[in-house]
Amino acid sequence: DAARMVTLEQLRALAEQGLEHLDSVIIPMQ
């Protein structure tokens, strides 16, 4: 549902901090 969504702006900000920060919002595939 929408509660766990992230925006492109949020992802860009996380990318500036490093890939490990981007990876923190990835949900397990299962």
PDB file of all heavy atoms in Angstrom:
ATOM      1  N   ASP A   1       0.834  -1.206   0.000  1.00  0.00           N
ATOM      2  CA  ASP A   1       0.000   0.000   0.000  1.00  0.00           C
ATOM      3  C   ASP A   1       0.865   1.249   0.000  1.00  0.00           C
ATOM      4  O   ASP A   1       2.096   1.184   0.035  1.00  0.00           O
ATOM      5  CB  ASP A   1      -0.986   0.004   1.177  1.00  0.00           C
ATOM      6  CG  ASP A   1      -0.290  -0.036   2.531  1.00  0.00           C
ATOM      7  OD1 ASP A   1       0.820   0.523   2.659  1.00  0.00           O
ATOM      8  OD2 ASP A   1      -0.858  -0.625   3.468  1.00  0.00           O
ATOM      9  N   ALA A   2       0.206   2.401  -0.035  1.00  0.00           N
ATOM     10  CA  ALA A   2       0.891   3.674  -0.214  1.00  0.00           C
ATOM     11  C   ALA A   2       1.770   4.067   0.971  1.00  0.00           C
ATOM     12  O   ALA A   2       2.643   4.925   0.839  1.00  0.00           O
ATOM     13  CB  ALA A   2      -0.136   4.774  -0.482  1.00  0.00           C
ATOM     14  N   ALA A   3       1.572   3.448   2.117  1.00  0.00           N
ATOM     15  CA  ALA A   3       2.304   3.846   3.320  1.00  0.00           C
ATOM     16  C   ALA A   3       3.814   3.669   3.174  1.00  0.00           C
ATOM     17  O   ALA A   3       4.592   4.378   3.820  1.00  0.00           O
ATOM     18  CB  ALA A   3       1.794   3.058   4.526  1.00  0.00           C
ATOM     19  N   ARG A   4       4.248   2.756   2.311  1.00  0.00           N
ATOM     20  CA  ARG A   4       5.680   2.452   2.193  1.00  0.00           C
ATOM     21  C   ARG A   4       6.294   3.004   0.908  1.00  0.00           C
ATOM     22  O   ARG A   4       7.418   2.662   0.561  1.00  0.00           O
ATOM     23  CB  ARG A   4       5.893   0.940   2.264  1.00  0.00           C
ATOM     24  CG  ARG A   4       5.361   0.318   3.543  1.00  0.00           C
ATOM     25  CD  ARG A   4       5.434  -1.199   3.530  1.00  0.00           C
ATOM     26  NE  ARG A   4       6.784  -1.691   3.728  1.00  0.00           N
ATOM     27  CZ  ARG A   4       7.107  -2.982   3.754  1.00  0.00           C
ATOM     28  NH1 ARG A   4       6.170  -3.895   3.595  1.00  0.00           N
ATOM     29  NH2 ARG A   4       8.351  -3.357   3.929  1.00  0.00           N
ATOM     30  N   MET A   5       5.565   3.872   0.219  1.00  0.00           N
ATOM     31  CA  MET A   5       6.081   4.429  -1.030  1.00  0.00           C
ATOM     32  C   MET A   5       7.217   5.417  -0.774  1.00  0.00           C
ATOM     33  O   MET A   5       7.271   6.073   0.251  1.00  0.00           O
ATOM     34  CB  MET A   5       4.971   5.161  -1.805  1.00  0.00           C
ATOM     35  CG  MET A   5       3.905   4.267  -2.371  1.00  0.00           C
ATOM     36  SD  MET A   5       2.825   5.129  -3.555  1.00  0.00           S
ATOM     37  CE  MET A   5       2.218   6.511  -2.570  1.00  0.00           C
ATOM     38  N   VAL A   6       8.103   5.520  -1.766  1.00  0.00           N
ATOM     39  CA  VAL A   6       9.161   6.538  -1.752  1.00  0.00           C
ATOM     40  C   VAL A   6       9.090   7.299  -3.072  1.00  0.00           C
ATOM     41  O   VAL A   6       8.758   6.735  -4.115  1.00  0.00           O
ATOM     42  CB  VAL A   6      10.563   5.913  -1.576  1.00  0.00           C
ATOM     43  CG1 VAL A   6      10.746   5.390  -0.178  1.00  0.00           C
ATOM     44  CG2 VAL A   6      10.808   4.810  -2.588  1.00  0.00           C
ATOM     45  N   THR A   7       9.404   8.579  -3.029  1.00  0.00           N
ATOM     46  CA  THR A   7       9.365   9.413  -4.225  1.00  0.00           C
ATOM     47  C   THR A   7      10.718   9.397  -4.920  1.00  0.00           C
ATOM     48  O   THR A   7      11.740   8.991  -4.341  1.00  0.00           O
ATOM     49  CB  THR A   7       9.005  10.857  -3.863  1.00  0.00           C
ATOM     50  OG1 THR A   7      10.066  11.404  -3.055  1.00  0.00           O
ATOM     51  CG2 THR A   7       7.685  10.930  -3.093  1.00  0.00           C
ATOM     52  N   LEU A   8      10.734   9.860  -6.169  1.00  0.00           N
ATOM     53  CA  LEU A   8      12.008   9.983  -6.882  1.00  0.00           C
ATOM     54  C   LEU A   8      12.940  10.952  -6.157  1.00  0.00           C
ATOM     55  O   LEU A   8      14.159  10.736  -6.107  1.00  0.00           O
ATOM     56  CB  LEU A   8      11.757  10.465  -8.314  1.00  0.00           C
ATOM     57  CG  LEU A   8      11.167   9.442  -9.286  1.00  0.00           C
ATOM     58  CD1 LEU A   8      10.900  10.090 -10.636  1.00  0.00           C
ATOM     59  CD2 LEU A   8      12.091   8.232  -9.447  1.00  0.00           C
ATOM     60  N   GLU A   9      12.385  12.017  -5.588  1.00  0.00           N
ATOM     61  CA  GLU A   9      13.207  12.988  -4.863  1.00  0.00           C
ATOM     62  C   GLU A   9      13.866  12.334  -3.650  1.00  0.00           C
ATOM     63  O   GLU A   9      15.043  12.578  -3.351  1.00  0.00           O
ATOM     64  CB  GLU A   9      12.349  14.184  -4.420  1.00  0.00           C
ATOM     65  CG  GLU A   9      11.870  15.076  -5.552  1.00  0.00           C
ATOM     66  CD  GLU A   9      10.759  14.437  -6.385  1.00  0.00           C
ATOM     67  OE1 GLU A   9      10.066  13.513  -5.876  1.00  0.00           O
ATOM     68  OE2 GLU A   9      10.591  14.839  -7.557  1.00  0.00           O
ATOM     69  N   GLN A  10      13.103  11.505  -2.938  1.00  0.00           N
ATOM     70  CA  GLN A  10      13.681  10.805  -1.788  1.00  0.00           C
ATOM     71  C   GLN A  10      14.787   9.851  -2.220  1.00  0.00           C
ATOM     72  O   GLN A  10      15.827   9.747  -1.560  1.00  0.00           O
ATOM     73  CB  GLN A  10      12.578  10.050  -1.042  1.00  0.00           C
ATOM     74  CG  GLN A  10      11.621  10.953  -0.283  1.00  0.00           C
ATOM     75  CD  GLN A  10      10.429  10.185   0.279  1.00  0.00           C
ATOM     76  OE1 GLN A  10       9.887   9.290  -0.369  1.00  0.00           O
ATOM     77  NE2 GLN A  10      10.026  10.529   1.499  1.00  0.00           N
ATOM     78  N   LEU A  11      14.569   9.157  -3.334  1.00  0.00           N
ATOM     79  CA  LEU A  11      15.590   8.226  -3.818  1.00  0.00           C
ATOM     80  C   LEU A  11      16.846   8.970  -4.258  1.00  0.00           C
ATOM     81  O   LEU A  11      17.973   8.501  -4.015  1.00  0.00           O
ATOM     82  CB  LEU A  11      15.033   7.388  -4.968  1.00  0.00           C
ATOM     83  CG  LEU A  11      13.951   6.368  -4.597  1.00  0.00           C
ATOM     84  CD1 LEU A  11      13.437   5.662  -5.845  1.00  0.00           C
ATOM     85  CD2 LEU A  11      14.475   5.343  -3.594  1.00  0.00           C
ATOM     86  N   ARG A  12      16.680  10.114  -4.899  1.00  0.00           N
ATOM     87  CA  ARG A  12      17.857  10.899  -5.312  1.00  0.00           C
ATOM     88  C   ARG A  12      18.650  11.360  -4.085  1.00  0.00           C
ATOM     89  O   ARG A  12      19.890  11.344  -4.094  1.00  0.00           O
ATOM     90  CB  ARG A  12      17.421  12.095  -6.158  1.00  0.00           C
ATOM     91  CG  ARG A  12      16.899  11.710  -7.540  1.00  0.00           C
ATOM     92  CD  ARG A  12      16.673  12.943  -8.397  1.00  0.00           C
ATOM     93  NE  ARG A  12      16.148  12.598  -9.718  1.00  0.00           N
ATOM     94  CZ  ARG A  12      14.878  12.763 -10.091  1.00  0.00           C
ATOM     95  NH1 ARG A  12      14.002  13.283  -9.229  1.00  0.00           N
ATOM     96  NH2 ARG A  12      14.476  12.410 -11.301  1.00  0.00           N
ATOM     97  N   ALA A  13      17.919  11.774  -3.044  1.00  0.00           N
ATOM     98  CA  ALA A  13      18.598  12.218  -1.823  1.00  0.00           C
ATOM     99  C   ALA A  13      19.353  11.059  -1.172  1.00  0.00           C
ATOM    100  O   ALA A  13      20.482  11.230  -0.687  1.00  0.00           O
ATOM    101  CB  ALA A  13      17.575  12.799  -0.847  1.00  0.00           C
ATOM    102  N   LEU A  14      18.755   9.874  -1.159  1.00  0.00           N
ATOM    103  CA  LEU A  14      19.429   8.702  -0.600  1.00  0.00           C
ATOM    104  C   LEU A  14      20.648   8.325  -1.430  1.00  0.00           C
ATOM    105  O   LEU A  14      21.694   7.936  -0.889  1.00  0.00           O
ATOM    106  CB  LEU A  14      18.455   7.523  -0.531  1.00  0.00           C
ATOM    107  CG  LEU A  14      17.344   7.615   0.512  1.00  0.00           C
ATOM    108  CD1 LEU A  14      16.324   6.506   0.302  1.00  0.00           C
ATOM    109  CD2 LEU A  14      17.920   7.560   1.924  1.00  0.00           C
ATOM    110  N   ALA A  15      20.538   8.468  -2.762  1.00  0.00           N
ATOM    111  CA  ALA A  15      21.655   8.127  -3.645  1.00  0.00           C
ATOM    112  C   ALA A  15      22.859   9.004  -3.363  1.00  0.00           C
ATOM    113  O   ALA A  15      24.013   8.550  -3.463  1.00  0.00           O
ATOM    114  CB  ALA A  15      21.225   8.250  -5.102  1.00  0.00           C
ATOM    115  N   GLU A  16      22.620  10.253  -3.006  1.00  0.00           N
ATOM    116  CA  GLU A  16      23.730  11.161  -2.697  1.00  0.00           C
ATOM    117  C   GLU A  16      24.465  10.733  -1.438  1.00  0.00           C
ATOM    118  O   GLU A  16      25.645  11.038  -1.263  1.00  0.00           O
ATOM    119  CB  GLU A  16      23.198  12.586  -2.546  1.00  0.00           C
ATOM    120  CG  GLU A  16      22.717  13.197  -3.865  1.00  0.00           C
ATOM    121  CD  GLU A  16      22.173  14.606  -3.685  1.00  0.00           C
ATOM    122  OE1 GLU A  16      22.168  15.092  -2.528  1.00  0.00           O
ATOM    123  OE2 GLU A  16      21.774  15.214  -4.697  1.00  0.00           O
ATOM    124  N   GLN A  17      23.758  10.012  -0.560  1.00  0.00           N
ATOM    125  CA  GLN A  17      24.380   9.543   0.679  1.00  0.00           C
ATOM    126  C   GLN A  17      25.128   8.226   0.490  1.00  0.00           C
ATOM    127  O   GLN A  17      25.927   7.834   1.334  1.00  0.00           O
ATOM    128  CB  GLN A  17      23.315   9.372   1.768  1.00  0.00           C
ATOM    129  CG  GLN A  17      22.568  10.648   2.122  1.00  0.00           C
ATOM    130  CD  GLN A  17      21.448  10.370   3.113  1.00  0.00           C
ATOM    131  OE1 GLN A  17      21.676   9.799   4.183  1.00  0.00           O
ATOM    132  NE2 GLN A  17      20.233  10.773   2.773  1.00  0.00           N
ATOM    133  N   GLY A  18      24.847   7.530  -0.614  1.00  0.00           N
ATOM    134  CA  GLY A  18      25.524   6.272  -0.877  1.00  0.00           C
ATOM    135  C   GLY A  18      24.553   5.152  -1.180  1.00  0.00           C
ATOM    136  O   GLY A  18      23.382   5.203  -0.784  1.00  0.00           O
ATOM    137  N   LEU A  19      25.040   4.141  -1.880  1.00  0.00           N
ATOM    138  CA  LEU A  19      24.172   3.041  -2.305  1.00  0.00           C
ATOM    139  C   LEU A  19      23.576   2.275  -1.128  1.00  0.00           C
ATOM    140  O   LEU A  19      22.457   1.753  -1.220  1.00  0.00           O
ATOM    141  CB  LEU A  19      24.961   2.073  -3.200  1.00  0.00           C
ATOM    142  CG  LEU A  19      25.322   2.615  -4.592  1.00  0.00           C
ATOM    143  CD1 LEU A  19      26.240   1.634  -5.312  1.00  0.00           C
ATOM    144  CD2 LEU A  19      24.063   2.857  -5.422  1.00  0.00           C
ATOM    145  N   GLU A  20      24.310   2.207  -0.014  1.00  0.00           N
ATOM    146  CA  GLU A  20      23.764   1.475   1.128  1.00  0.00           C
ATOM    147  C   GLU A  20      22.512   2.157   1.669  1.00  0.00           C
ATOM    148  O   GLU A  20      21.602   1.499   2.187  1.00  0.00           O
ATOM    149  CB  GLU A  20      24.814   1.319   2.236  1.00  0.00           C
ATOM    150  CG  GLU A  20      25.239   2.605   2.934  1.00  0.00           C
ATOM    151  CD  GLU A  20      26.323   3.386   2.170  1.00  0.00           C
ATOM    152  OE1 GLU A  20      26.614   3.017   1.014  1.00  0.00           O
ATOM    153  OE2 GLU A  20      26.849   4.341   2.746  1.00  0.00           O
ATOM    154  N   HIS A  21      22.435   3.474   1.526  1.00  0.00           N
ATOM    155  CA  HIS A  21      21.226   4.189   1.961  1.00  0.00           C
ATOM    156  C   HIS A  21      20.071   3.915   1.003  1.00  0.00           C
ATOM    157  O   HIS A  21      18.917   3.749   1.427  1.00  0.00           O
ATOM    158  CB  HIS A  21      21.511   5.688   2.049  1.00  0.00           C
ATOM    159  CG  HIS A  21      22.451   6.061   3.149  1.00  0.00           C
ATOM    160  ND1 HIS A  21      22.035   6.279   4.445  1.00  0.00           N
ATOM    161  CD2 HIS A  21      23.805   6.221   3.156  1.00  0.00           C
ATOM    162  CE1 HIS A  21      23.091   6.566   5.204  1.00  0.00           C
ATOM    163  NE2 HIS A  21      24.170   6.545   4.440  1.00  0.00           N
ATOM    164  N   LEU A  22      20.374   3.865  -0.291  1.00  0.00           N
ATOM    165  CA  LEU A  22      19.350   3.490  -1.268  1.00  0.00           C
ATOM    166  C   LEU A  22      18.834   2.084  -0.991  1.00  0.00           C
ATOM    167  O   LEU A  22      17.620   1.826  -1.021  1.00  0.00           O
ATOM    168  CB  LEU A  22      19.935   3.543  -2.682  1.00  0.00           C
ATOM    169  CG  LEU A  22      19.723   4.780  -3.533  1.00  0.00           C
ATOM    170  CD1 LEU A  22      20.360   4.568  -4.893  1.00  0.00           C
ATOM    171  CD2 LEU A  22      18.249   5.112  -3.697  1.00  0.00           C
ATOM    172  N   ASP A  23      19.761   1.179  -0.714  1.00  0.00           N
ATOM    173  CA  ASP A  23      19.371  -0.212  -0.497  1.00  0.00           C
ATOM    174  C   ASP A  23      18.487  -0.374   0.736  1.00  0.00           C
ATOM    175  O   ASP A  23      17.756  -1.362   0.850  1.00  0.00           O
ATOM    176  CB  ASP A  23      20.612  -1.093  -0.360  1.00  0.00           C
ATOM    177  CG  ASP A  23      21.379  -1.225  -1.679  1.00  0.00           C
ATOM    178  OD1 ASP A  23      20.852  -0.798  -2.720  1.00  0.00           O
ATOM    179  OD2 ASP A  23      22.516  -1.753  -1.649  1.00  0.00           O
ATOM    180  N   SER A  24      18.527   0.590   1.636  1.00  0.00           N
ATOM    181  CA  SER A  24      17.754   0.462   2.879  1.00  0.00           C
ATOM    182  C   SER A  24      16.247   0.521   2.646  1.00  0.00           C
ATOM    183  O   SER A  24      15.472   0.112   3.522  1.00  0.00           O
ATOM    184  CB  SER A  24      18.161   1.564   3.873  1.00  0.00           C
ATOM    185  OG  SER A  24      17.725   2.844   3.414  1.00  0.00           O
ATOM    186  N   VAL A  25      15.805   1.016   1.491  1.00  0.00           N
ATOM    187  CA  VAL A  25      14.367   1.095   1.230  1.00  0.00           C
ATOM    188  C   VAL A  25      13.891  -0.038   0.319  1.00  0.00           C
ATOM    189  O   VAL A  25      12.723  -0.075  -0.073  1.00  0.00           O
ATOM    190  CB  VAL A  25      13.967   2.460   0.627  1.00  0.00           C
ATOM    191  CG1 VAL A  25      14.282   3.581   1.594  1.00  0.00           C
ATOM    192  CG2 VAL A  25      14.633   2.701  -0.721  1.00  0.00           C
ATOM    193  N   ILE A  26      14.791  -0.965  -0.013  1.00  0.00           N
ATOM    194  CA  ILE A  26      14.397  -2.117  -0.815  1.00  0.00           C
ATOM    195  C   ILE A  26      13.636  -3.116   0.053  1.00  0.00           C
ATOM    196  O   ILE A  26      14.040  -3.417   1.182  1.00  0.00           O
ATOM    197  CB  ILE A  26      15.626  -2.806  -1.444  1.00  0.00           C
ATOM    198  CG1 ILE A  26      16.294  -1.884  -2.468  1.00  0.00           C
ATOM    199  CG2 ILE A  26      15.227  -4.118  -2.113  1.00  0.00           C
ATOM    200  CD1 ILE A  26      17.551  -2.467  -3.075  1.00  0.00           C
ATOM    201  N   ILE A  27      12.533  -3.618  -0.474  1.00  0.00           N
ATOM    202  CA  ILE A  27      11.717  -4.607   0.218  1.00  0.00           C
ATOM    203  C   ILE A  27      12.102  -5.995  -0.303  1.00  0.00           C
ATOM    204  O   ILE A  27      12.294  -6.171  -1.515  1.00  0.00           O
ATOM    205  CB  ILE A  27      10.224  -4.325  -0.028  1.00  0.00           C
ATOM    206  CG1 ILE A  27       9.836  -3.000   0.626  1.00  0.00           C
ATOM    207  CG2 ILE A  27       9.336  -5.449   0.495  1.00  0.00           C
ATOM    208  CD1 ILE A  27       8.453  -2.533   0.265  1.00  0.00           C
ATOM    209  N   PRO A  28      12.231  -6.990   0.575  1.00  0.00           N
ATOM    210  CA  PRO A  28      12.570  -8.343   0.110  1.00  0.00           C
ATOM    211  C   PRO A  28      11.586  -8.828  -0.953  1.00  0.00           C
ATOM    212  O   PRO A  28      10.383  -8.594  -0.862  1.00  0.00           O
ATOM    213  CB  PRO A  28      12.480  -9.190   1.382  1.00  0.00           C
ATOM    214  CG  PRO A  28      12.711  -8.229   2.499  1.00  0.00           C
ATOM    215  CD  PRO A  28      12.111  -6.928   2.044  1.00  0.00           C
ATOM    216  N   MET A  29      12.108  -9.513  -1.956  1.00  0.00           N
ATOM    217  CA  MET A  29      11.274  -9.900  -3.101  1.00  0.00           C
ATOM    218  C   MET A  29      10.116 -10.815  -2.724  1.00  0.00           C
ATOM    219  O   MET A  29       9.063 -10.781  -3.353  1.00  0.00           O
ATOM    220  CB  MET A  29      12.144 -10.544  -4.181  1.00  0.00           C
ATOM    221  CG  MET A  29      12.742 -11.871  -3.814  1.00  0.00           C
ATOM    222  SD  MET A  29      13.745 -12.553  -5.170  1.00  0.00           S
ATOM    223  CE  MET A  29      15.334 -11.792  -4.829  1.00  0.00           C
ATOM    224  N   GLN A  30      10.283 -11.626  -1.670  1.00  0.00           N
ATOM    225  CA  GLN A  30       9.204 -12.534  -1.305  1.00  0.00           C
ATOM    226  C   GLN A  30       7.963 -11.799  -0.795  1.00  0.00           C
ATOM    227  O   GLN A  30       6.875 -12.391  -0.708  1.00  0.00           O
ATOM    228  CB  GLN A  30       9.675 -13.567  -0.267  1.00  0.00           C
ATOM    229  CG  GLN A  30      10.224 -12.991   1.018  1.00  0.00           C
ATOM    230  CD  GLN A  30      11.739 -12.889   0.980  1.00  0.00           C
ATOM    231  OE1 GLN A  30      12.312 -12.613  -0.064  1.00  0.00           O
ATOM    232  NE2 GLN A  30      12.370 -13.134   2.121  1.00  0.00           N
TER     233      GLN A  30
END
